[in-house]
C-alpha atoms as a PDB file:
ATOM      1  CA  MET A   1     -75.862  31.160  17.151  1.00  0.00           C
ATOM      2  CA  HIS A   2     -77.931  30.153  14.103  1.00  0.00           C
ATOM      3  CA  TYR A   3     -77.979  26.558  15.361  1.00  0.00           C
ATOM      4  CA  ASP A   4     -78.977  27.639  18.874  1.00  0.00           C
ATOM      5  CA  TYR A   5     -81.695  29.872  17.448  1.00  0.00           C
ATOM      6  CA  LYS A   6     -83.205  27.079  15.344  1.00  0.00           C
ATOM      7  CA  GLN A   7     -83.050  24.577  18.205  1.00  0.00           C
ATOM      8  CA  LYS A   8     -84.871  26.877  20.601  1.00  0.00           C
ATOM      9  CA  LEU A   9     -87.533  27.738  18.033  1.00  0.00           C
ATOM     10  CA  ASN A  10     -88.036  24.076  17.122  1.00  0.00           C
ATOM     11  CA  LYS A  11     -88.730  23.267  20.756  1.00  0.00           C
ATOM     12  CA  ILE A  12     -91.655  25.691  20.586  1.00  0.00           C
ATOM     13  CA  ASP A  13     -93.142  24.608  17.249  1.00  0.00           C
ATOM     14  CA  SER A  14     -90.983  23.253  14.437  1.00  0.00           C
ATOM     15  CA  GLN A  15     -93.712  23.715  11.844  1.00  0.00           C
ATOM     16  CA  ALA A  16     -94.428  27.369  12.603  1.00  0.00           C
ATOM     17  CA  TYR A  17     -90.874  28.513  11.902  1.00  0.00           C
ATOM     18  CA  SER A  18     -89.715  26.179   9.136  1.00  0.00           C
ATOM     19  CA  ASN A  19     -89.894  28.912   6.473  1.00  0.00           C
ATOM     20  CA  LEU A  20     -87.593  31.413   8.161  1.00  0.00           C
ATOM     21  CA  ARG A  21     -84.747  32.368   5.837  1.00  0.00           C
ATOM     22  CA  VAL A  22     -81.161  33.218   6.705  1.00  0.00           C
ATOM     23  CA  PRO A  23     -81.618  37.026   6.314  1.00  0.00           C
ATOM     24  CA  GLU A  24     -84.663  36.911   8.602  1.00  0.00           C
ATOM     25  CA  ILE A  25     -82.785  34.974  11.260  1.00  0.00           C
ATOM     26  CA  ASP A  26     -79.832  37.365  10.978  1.00  0.00           C
ATOM     27  CA  TRP A  27     -82.153  40.345  11.369  1.00  0.00           C
ATOM     28  CA  LYS A  28     -83.720  38.950  14.558  1.00  0.00           C
ATOM     29  CA  ILE A  29     -80.322  38.130  16.041  1.00  0.00           C
ATOM     30  CA  ASN A  30     -79.098  41.667  15.406  1.00  0.00           C
ATOM     31  CA  GLU A  31     -82.282  43.177  16.791  1.00  0.00           C
ATOM     32  CA  ALA A  32     -81.745  41.129  19.947  1.00  0.00           C
ATOM     33  CA  LEU A  33     -78.082  42.177  20.039  1.00  0.00           C
ATOM     34  CA  GLY A  34     -79.135  45.832  19.950  1.00  0.00           C
ATOM     35  CA  ILE A  35     -81.566  45.335  22.830  1.00  0.00           C
ATOM     36  CA  PHE A  36     -78.927  43.452  24.831  1.00  0.00           C
ATOM     37  CA  LEU A  37     -76.421  46.302  24.393  1.00  0.00           C
ATOM     38  CA  LYS A  38     -78.947  48.910  25.519  1.00  0.00           C
ATOM     39  CA  ILE A  39     -79.835  46.863  28.594  1.00  0.00           C
ATOM     40  CA  ILE A  40     -76.183  46.491  29.592  1.00  0.00           C
ATOM     41  CA  ALA A  41     -74.688  49.785  28.485  1.00  0.00           C
ATOM     42  CA  GLN A  42     -77.273  52.539  28.783  1.00  0.00           C
ATOM     43  CA  PRO A  43     -80.684  51.766  30.293  1.00  0.00           C
ATOM     44  CA  ARG A  44     -82.732  54.978  30.252  1.00  0.00           C
ATOM     45  CA  PHE A  45     -84.538  54.900  33.573  1.00  0.00           C
ATOM     46  CA  LYS A  46     -83.323  52.012  35.715  1.00  0.00           C
ATOM     47  CA  LYS A  47     -81.058  53.221  38.493  1.00  0.00           C
ATOM     48  CA  ASN A  48     -77.911  51.331  39.494  1.00  0.00           C
ATOM     49  CA  LEU A  49     -77.712  49.641  36.097  1.00  0.00           C
ATOM     50  CA  GLY A  50     -75.359  50.161  33.189  1.00  0.00           C
ATOM     51  CA  PHE A  51     -71.839  49.660  31.969  1.00  0.00           C
ATOM     52  CA  GLU A  52     -69.239  49.157  34.739  1.00  0.00           C
ATOM     53  CA  ILE A  53     -71.842  48.708  37.458  1.00  0.00           C
ATOM     54  CA  ASN A  54     -70.201  45.340  38.178  1.00  0.00           C
ATOM     55  CA  GLN A  55     -67.648  42.995  36.653  1.00  0.00           C
ATOM     56  CA  ARG A  56     -70.252  40.958  34.786  1.00  0.00           C
ATOM     57  CA  THR A  57     -71.561  43.937  32.823  1.00  0.00           C
ATOM     58  CA  ILE A  58     -67.975  44.953  32.068  1.00  0.00           C
ATOM     59  CA  ASP A  59     -67.173  41.483  30.761  1.00  0.00           C
ATOM     60  CA  ASP A  60     -70.410  41.336  28.762  1.00  0.00           C
ATOM     61  CA  ILE A  61     -69.444  44.170  26.399  1.00  0.00           C
ATOM     62  CA  ARG A  62     -65.710  44.724  26.958  1.00  0.00           C
ATOM     63  CA  THR A  63     -64.970  43.700  23.347  1.00  0.00           C
ATOM     64  CA  LEU A  64     -66.803  46.797  22.076  1.00  0.00           C
ATOM     65  CA  VAL A  65     -65.102  49.325  24.367  1.00  0.00           C
ATOM     66  CA  LYS A  66     -62.623  51.616  22.601  1.00  0.00           C
ATOM     67  CA  ASN A  67     -60.010  53.700  24.424  1.00  0.00           C
ATOM     68  CA  GLN A  68     -58.242  56.497  22.585  1.00  0.00           C
ATOM     69  CA  SER A  69     -54.713  57.105  23.886  1.00  0.00           C
ATOM     70  CA  PHE A  70     -53.457  60.598  24.680  1.00  0.00           C
ATOM     71  CA  GLN A  71     -51.918  61.242  21.271  1.00  0.00           C
ATOM     72  CA  LEU A  72     -53.216  63.695  18.698  1.00  0.00           C
ATOM     73  CA  SER A  73     -53.161  61.061  15.972  1.00  0.00           C
ATOM     74  CA  ASN A  74     -55.400  58.715  18.000  1.00  0.00           C
ATOM     75  CA  CYS A  75     -57.934  61.254  19.299  1.00  0.00           C
ATOM     76  CA  LEU A  76     -60.780  63.293  17.830  1.00  0.00           C
ATOM     77  CA  PHE A  77     -59.522  66.467  16.165  1.00  0.00           C
ATOM     78  CA  ALA A  78     -61.092  69.593  17.681  1.00  0.00           C
ATOM     79  CA  GLN A  79     -62.070  72.392  15.334  1.00  0.00           C
ATOM     80  CA  VAL A  80     -63.095  75.927  16.263  1.00  0.00           C
ATOM     81  CA  TYR A  81     -66.835  76.220  16.986  1.00  0.00           C
ATOM     82  CA  ASP A  82     -66.912  79.805  18.256  1.00  0.00           C
ATOM     83  CA  ASN A  83     -64.602  82.148  20.164  1.00  0.00           C
ATOM     84  CA  LYS A  84     -64.923  80.120  23.369  1.00  0.00           C
ATOM     85  CA  SER A  85     -65.570  76.559  22.283  1.00  0.00           C
ATOM     86  CA  PHE A  86     -64.392  73.784  19.980  1.00  0.00           C
ATOM     87  CA  LEU A  87     -66.127  70.857  18.277  1.00  0.00           C
ATOM     88  CA  ALA A  88     -65.028  67.217  18.086  1.00  0.00           C
ATOM     89  CA  GLU A  89     -67.026  65.117  15.614  1.00  0.00           C
ATOM     90  CA  LEU A  90     -68.023  61.659  16.787  1.00  0.00           C
ATOM     91  CA  PRO A  91     -66.481  58.633  15.035  1.00  0.00           C
ATOM     92  CA  ASP A  92     -68.683  56.671  12.643  1.00  0.00           C
ATOM     93  CA  ASP A  93     -68.715  53.618  14.920  1.00  0.00           C
ATOM     94  CA  TYR A  94     -69.751  55.584  18.028  1.00  0.00           C
ATOM     95  CA  LEU A  95     -72.641  54.101  20.038  1.00  0.00           C
ATOM     96  CA  PHE A  96     -72.460  55.144  23.717  1.00  0.00           C
ATOM     97  CA  TYR A  97     -70.279  57.590  25.657  1.00  0.00           C
ATOM     98  CA  VAL A  98     -68.115  56.353  28.526  1.00  0.00           C
ATOM     99  CA  SER A  99     -65.665  59.159  29.352  1.00  0.00           C
ATOM    100  CA  SER A 100     -63.198  61.573  27.768  1.00  0.00           C
ATOM    101  CA  LYS A 101     -60.178  63.801  28.361  1.00  0.00           C
ATOM    102  CA  ALA A 102     -58.956  66.731  26.332  1.00  0.00           C
ATOM    103  CA  ILE A 103     -55.604  67.813  24.931  1.00  0.00           C
ATOM    104  CA  VAL A 104     -55.338  71.591  25.392  1.00  0.00           C
ATOM    105  CA  SER A 105     -52.680  74.232  24.790  1.00  0.00           C
ATOM    106  CA  LYS A 106     -51.964  77.781  25.892  1.00  0.00           C
ATOM    107  CA  GLY A 107     -48.956  79.465  24.364  1.00  0.00           C
ATOM    108  CA  ASN A 108     -46.047  77.039  24.685  1.00  0.00           C
ATOM    109  CA  CYS A 109     -47.748  75.013  27.407  1.00  0.00           C
ATOM    110  CA  LYS A 110     -49.761  71.869  26.642  1.00  0.00           C
ATOM    111  CA  TYR A 111     -51.721  69.445  28.807  1.00  0.00           C
ATOM    112  CA  VAL A 112     -52.703  66.020  27.455  1.00  0.00           C
ATOM    113  CA  ASP A 113     -54.941  64.722  30.261  1.00  0.00           C
ATOM    114  CA  VAL A 114     -57.439  67.490  30.963  1.00  0.00           C
ATOM    115  CA  ARG A 115     -60.567  66.175  32.646  1.00  0.00           C
ATOM    116  CA  SER A 116     -63.857  66.764  30.828  1.00  0.00           C
ATOM    117  CA  ARG A 117     -67.128  67.281  32.652  1.00  0.00           C
ATOM    118  CA  LEU A 118     -70.379  66.460  30.883  1.00  0.00           C
ATOM    119  CA  ARG A 119     -72.851  69.327  31.269  1.00  0.00           C
ATOM    120  CA  GLN A 120     -76.540  69.818  30.498  1.00  0.00           C
ATOM    121  CA  HIS A 121     -77.741  72.545  28.149  1.00  0.00           C
ATOM    122  CA  ASP A 122     -79.480  74.449  30.942  1.00  0.00           C
ATOM    123  CA  ASP A 123     -76.331  74.574  33.096  1.00  0.00           C
ATOM    124  CA  GLU A 124     -74.763  78.029  33.293  1.00  0.00           C
ATOM    125  CA  HIS A 125     -71.348  76.523  33.785  1.00  0.00           C
ATOM    126  CA  GLU A 126     -69.378  79.080  31.795  1.00  0.00           C
ATOM    127  CA  GLU A 127     -70.891  81.955  33.802  1.00  0.00           C
ATOM    128  CA  SER A 128     -69.794  80.401  37.097  1.00  0.00           C
ATOM    129  CA  LEU A 129     -66.391  81.162  38.585  1.00  0.00           C
ATOM    130  CA  PHE A 130     -66.277  77.702  40.144  1.00  0.00           C
ATOM    131  CA  ASP A 131     -67.703  75.633  37.275  1.00  0.00           C
ATOM    132  CA  SER A 132     -66.230  77.233  34.147  1.00  0.00           C
ATOM    133  CA  SER A 133     -63.585  75.563  31.995  1.00  0.00           C
ATOM    134  CA  SER A 134     -60.066  76.296  33.208  1.00  0.00           C
ATOM    135  CA  PHE A 135     -56.625  75.653  31.737  1.00  0.00           C
ATOM    136  CA  GLU A 136     -54.960  76.081  35.126  1.00  0.00           C
ATOM    137  CA  TRP A 137     -57.310  73.645  36.835  1.00  0.00           C
ATOM    138  CA  ARG A 138     -57.112  71.259  33.872  1.00  0.00           C
ATOM    139  CA  GLU A 139     -60.869  70.987  33.430  1.00  0.00           C
ATOM    140  CA  VAL A 140     -63.156  71.566  30.453  1.00  0.00           C
ATOM    141  CA  ASN A 141     -66.919  71.376  30.171  1.00  0.00           C
ATOM    142  CA  ILE A 142     -68.462  69.431  27.309  1.00  0.00           C
ATOM    143  CA  ARG A 143     -71.932  69.068  25.801  1.00  0.00           C
ATOM    144  CA  PHE A 144     -73.318  66.770  23.135  1.00  0.00           C
ATOM    145  CA  ILE A 145     -74.813  68.533  20.111  1.00  0.00           C
ATOM    146  CA  GLU A 146     -75.947  67.421  16.650  1.00  0.00           C
ATOM    147  CA  ASN A 147     -72.480  67.479  15.067  1.00  0.00           C
ATOM    148  CA  GLY A 148     -70.565  65.915  17.938  1.00  0.00           C
ATOM    149  CA  ILE A 149     -69.149  67.071  21.275  1.00  0.00           C
ATOM    150  CA  ARG A 150     -68.791  70.768  22.008  1.00  0.00           C
ATOM    151  CA  ILE A 151     -65.817  71.565  24.258  1.00  0.00           C
ATOM    152  CA  PHE A 152     -65.855  74.847  26.166  1.00  0.00           C
ATOM    153  CA  THR A 153     -62.932  77.096  27.124  1.00  0.00           C
ATOM    154  CA  ASP A 154     -62.686  80.444  28.902  1.00  0.00           C
ATOM    155  CA  GLY A 155     -61.320  82.005  25.720  1.00  0.00           C
ATOM    156  CA  THR A 156     -57.684  81.951  26.864  1.00  0.00           C
ATOM    157  CA  PHE A 157     -56.665  78.490  25.608  1.00  0.00           C
ATOM    158  CA  ASP A 158     -57.240  76.130  22.678  1.00  0.00           C
ATOM    159  CA  VAL A 159     -58.508  72.577  22.537  1.00  0.00           C
ATOM    160  CA  ASP A 160     -56.404  70.439  20.200  1.00  0.00           C
ATOM    161  CA  ALA A 161     -58.241  67.131  20.533  1.00  0.00           C
ATOM    162  CA  LEU A 162     -60.642  65.067  22.592  1.00  0.00           C
ATOM    163  CA  CYS A 163     -59.591  61.572  23.643  1.00  0.00           C
ATOM    164  CA  LEU A 164     -62.758  59.531  23.813  1.00  0.00           C
ATOM    165  CA  ASN A 165     -63.606  56.304  25.586  1.00  0.00           C
ATOM    166  CA  TYR A 166     -66.786  54.860  24.131  1.00  0.00           C
ATOM    167  CA  ILE A 167     -68.776  51.775  23.254  1.00  0.00           C
ATOM    168  CA  ARG A 168     -68.722  51.246  19.509  1.00  0.00           C
ATOM    169  CA  LYS A 169     -71.340  49.811  17.213  1.00  0.00           C
ATOM    170  CA  PRO A 170     -71.010  46.050  16.721  1.00  0.00           C
ATOM    171  CA  LEU A 171     -70.531  44.579  13.284  1.00  0.00           C
ATOM    172  CA  PHE A 172     -73.707  43.160  11.742  1.00  0.00           C
ATOM    173  CA  VAL A 173     -73.897  39.473  12.666  1.00  0.00           C
ATOM    174  CA  HIS A 174     -74.763  37.318   9.663  1.00  0.00           C
ATOM    175  CA  ASN A 175     -74.530  33.948   7.961  1.00  0.00           C
ATOM    176  CA  ALA A 176     -74.720  35.116   4.343  1.00  0.00           C
ATOM    177  CA  ASN A 177     -72.653  32.085   3.391  1.00  0.00           C
ATOM    178  CA  GLY A 178     -75.676  29.923   4.180  1.00  0.00           C
ATOM    179  CA  TYR A 179     -78.011  31.827   1.865  1.00  0.00           C
ATOM    180  CA  ILE A 180     -78.575  31.622  -1.919  1.00  0.00           C
ATOM    181  CA  ASN A 181     -75.222  32.017  -3.731  1.00  0.00           C
ATOM    182  CA  GLY A 182     -73.599  32.851  -0.387  1.00  0.00           C
ATOM    183  CA  THR A 183     -74.692  36.501  -0.358  1.00  0.00           C
ATOM    184  CA  TYR A 184     -77.578  38.905   0.220  1.00  0.00           C
ATOM    185  CA  ASN A 185     -78.186  42.642   0.571  1.00  0.00           C
ATOM    186  CA  LEU A 186     -79.295  44.582   3.618  1.00  0.00           C
ATOM    187  CA  PRO A 187     -82.142  47.110   3.188  1.00  0.00           C
ATOM    188  CA  ASP A 188     -79.565  49.932   2.943  1.00  0.00           C
ATOM    189  CA  GLY A 189     -77.849  48.186   0.023  1.00  0.00           C
ATOM    190  CA  THR A 190     -74.899  46.762   1.945  1.00  0.00           C
ATOM    191  CA  VAL A 191     -73.765  43.505   0.328  1.00  0.00           C
ATOM    192  CA  LEU A 192     -73.052  40.693   2.790  1.00  0.00           C
ATOM    193  CA  THR A 193     -70.894  37.674   2.014  1.00  0.00           C
ATOM    194  CA  GLY A 194     -69.315  34.951   4.111  1.00  0.00           C
ATOM    195  CA  VAL A 195     -69.911  34.905   7.863  1.00  0.00           C
ATOM    196  CA  GLN A 196     -69.662  37.506  10.618  1.00  0.00           C
ATOM    197  CA  ASP A 197     -69.710  36.084  14.130  1.00  0.00           C
ATOM    198  CA  CYS A 198     -70.972  38.045  17.116  1.00  0.00           C
ATOM    199  CA  GLU A 199     -68.201  40.202  18.573  1.00  0.00           C
ATOM    200  CA  LEU A 200     -69.439  39.959  22.146  1.00  0.00           C
ATOM    201  CA  PRO A 201     -67.916  37.307  24.438  1.00  0.00           C
ATOM    202  CA  GLU A 202     -69.281  33.809  23.926  1.00  0.00           C
ATOM    203  CA  HIS A 203     -70.987  33.686  27.331  1.00  0.00           C
ATOM    204  CA  THR A 204     -73.468  36.347  26.123  1.00  0.00           C
ATOM    205  CA  HIS A 205     -74.554  34.515  22.976  1.00  0.00           C
ATOM    206  CA  GLY A 206     -77.172  32.330  24.646  1.00  0.00           C
ATOM    207  CA  GLU A 207     -78.878  35.332  26.235  1.00  0.00           C
ATOM    208  CA  ILE A 208     -78.910  37.183  22.912  1.00  0.00           C
ATOM    209  CA  ILE A 209     -80.481  34.172  21.196  1.00  0.00           C
ATOM    210  CA  ASP A 210     -83.099  33.900  23.956  1.00  0.00           C
ATOM    211  CA  LEU A 211     -84.055  37.497  23.195  1.00  0.00           C
ATOM    212  CA  ALA A 212     -84.084  36.783  19.439  1.00  0.00           C
ATOM    213  CA  VAL A 213     -86.416  33.812  19.950  1.00  0.00           C
ATOM    214  CA  LEU A 214     -88.694  35.900  22.168  1.00  0.00           C
ATOM    215  CA  ILE A 215     -88.877  38.619  19.507  1.00  0.00           C
ATOM    216  CA  THR A 216     -89.539  36.098  16.734  1.00  0.00           C
ATOM    217  CA  THR A 217     -92.324  34.264  18.523  1.00  0.00           C
ATOM    218  CA  GLY A 218     -93.954  37.560  19.438  1.00  0.00           C
ATOM    219  CA  ASP A 219     -93.717  38.924  15.901  1.00  0.00           C
ATOM    220  CA  LEU A 220     -95.079  35.800  14.229  1.00  0.00           C
ATOM    221  CA  GLU A 221     -97.648  34.591  16.759  1.00  0.00           C
ATOM    222  CA  ASN A 222     -98.814  37.720  18.534  1.00  0.00           C
ATOM    223  CA  PRO A 223     -97.775  40.802  16.554  1.00  0.00           C
ATOM    224  CA  ASN A 224     -99.522  43.352  18.730  1.00  0.00           C
ATOM    225  CA  ILE A 225     -98.720  46.264  20.996  1.00  0.00           C
ATOM    226  CA  ASN A 226     -97.830  43.994  23.940  1.00  0.00           C
ATOM    227  CA  LEU A 227     -94.592  42.864  22.288  1.00  0.00           C
ATOM    228  CA  LYS A 228     -93.674  46.445  21.376  1.00  0.00           C
ATOM    229  CA  GLN A 229     -94.239  47.505  24.967  1.00  0.00           C
ATOM    230  CA  ALA A 230     -92.070  44.630  26.199  1.00  0.00           C
ATOM    231  CA  LYS A 231     -89.202  45.730  23.922  1.00  0.00           C
ATOM    232  CA  ILE A 232     -89.431  49.298  25.193  1.00  0.00           C
ATOM    233  CA  LYS A 233     -89.406  48.122  28.810  1.00  0.00           C
ATOM    234  CA  LEU A 234     -86.315  46.017  28.157  1.00  0.00           C
ATOM    235  CA  THR A 235     -84.315  48.865  26.632  1.00  0.00           C
ATOM    236  CA  ASN A 236     -85.453  51.408  29.224  1.00  0.00           C
END
């Protein structure tokens, strides 16, 4: 990807980009990777777009999709939030929600595949006879809050865990091995060594680099609001 990046920039103007260092190239590649993921997985406003809309989008990011099996040890532990709801904290590598099912229990009875329904904060789902969480109907309502996912009950059963399917954060792509002494630090202090290839399938790498080149040329040649607006349009 570094080679592809340099080749595409050199075709534009080899002199303008000769001073780019490895950390700068890595940063642009990862910025482009983030934009690519948002376009594929969760565009904000575009209808009929997103993860699993067709086989190509599935294949584009399938390597970052995590499925938690219906076992307590593999799912998110649910702790009591109040007398009618439980809280499951999101994993550190969580990026985008796909789906989930809950493991619930009532007395000696336990269900491991209870369907969860994502609700909005202004929904009065727990006040509705037809929309409230139900152990018998094997359905629970969930909402995202600051600390994680809140799982609602009718007060007669417990939620043991939430089995989450989600798109995880990708590892930071870098070529620290090609920099001074084979290492450098990220702004947050993380020390990088060696090489970390892109985790997405190889057929996506060219598109990611095209985005990285677009970002770089805009930043260095025309660093104005037009480029910022273009980035926002891409991710929305």
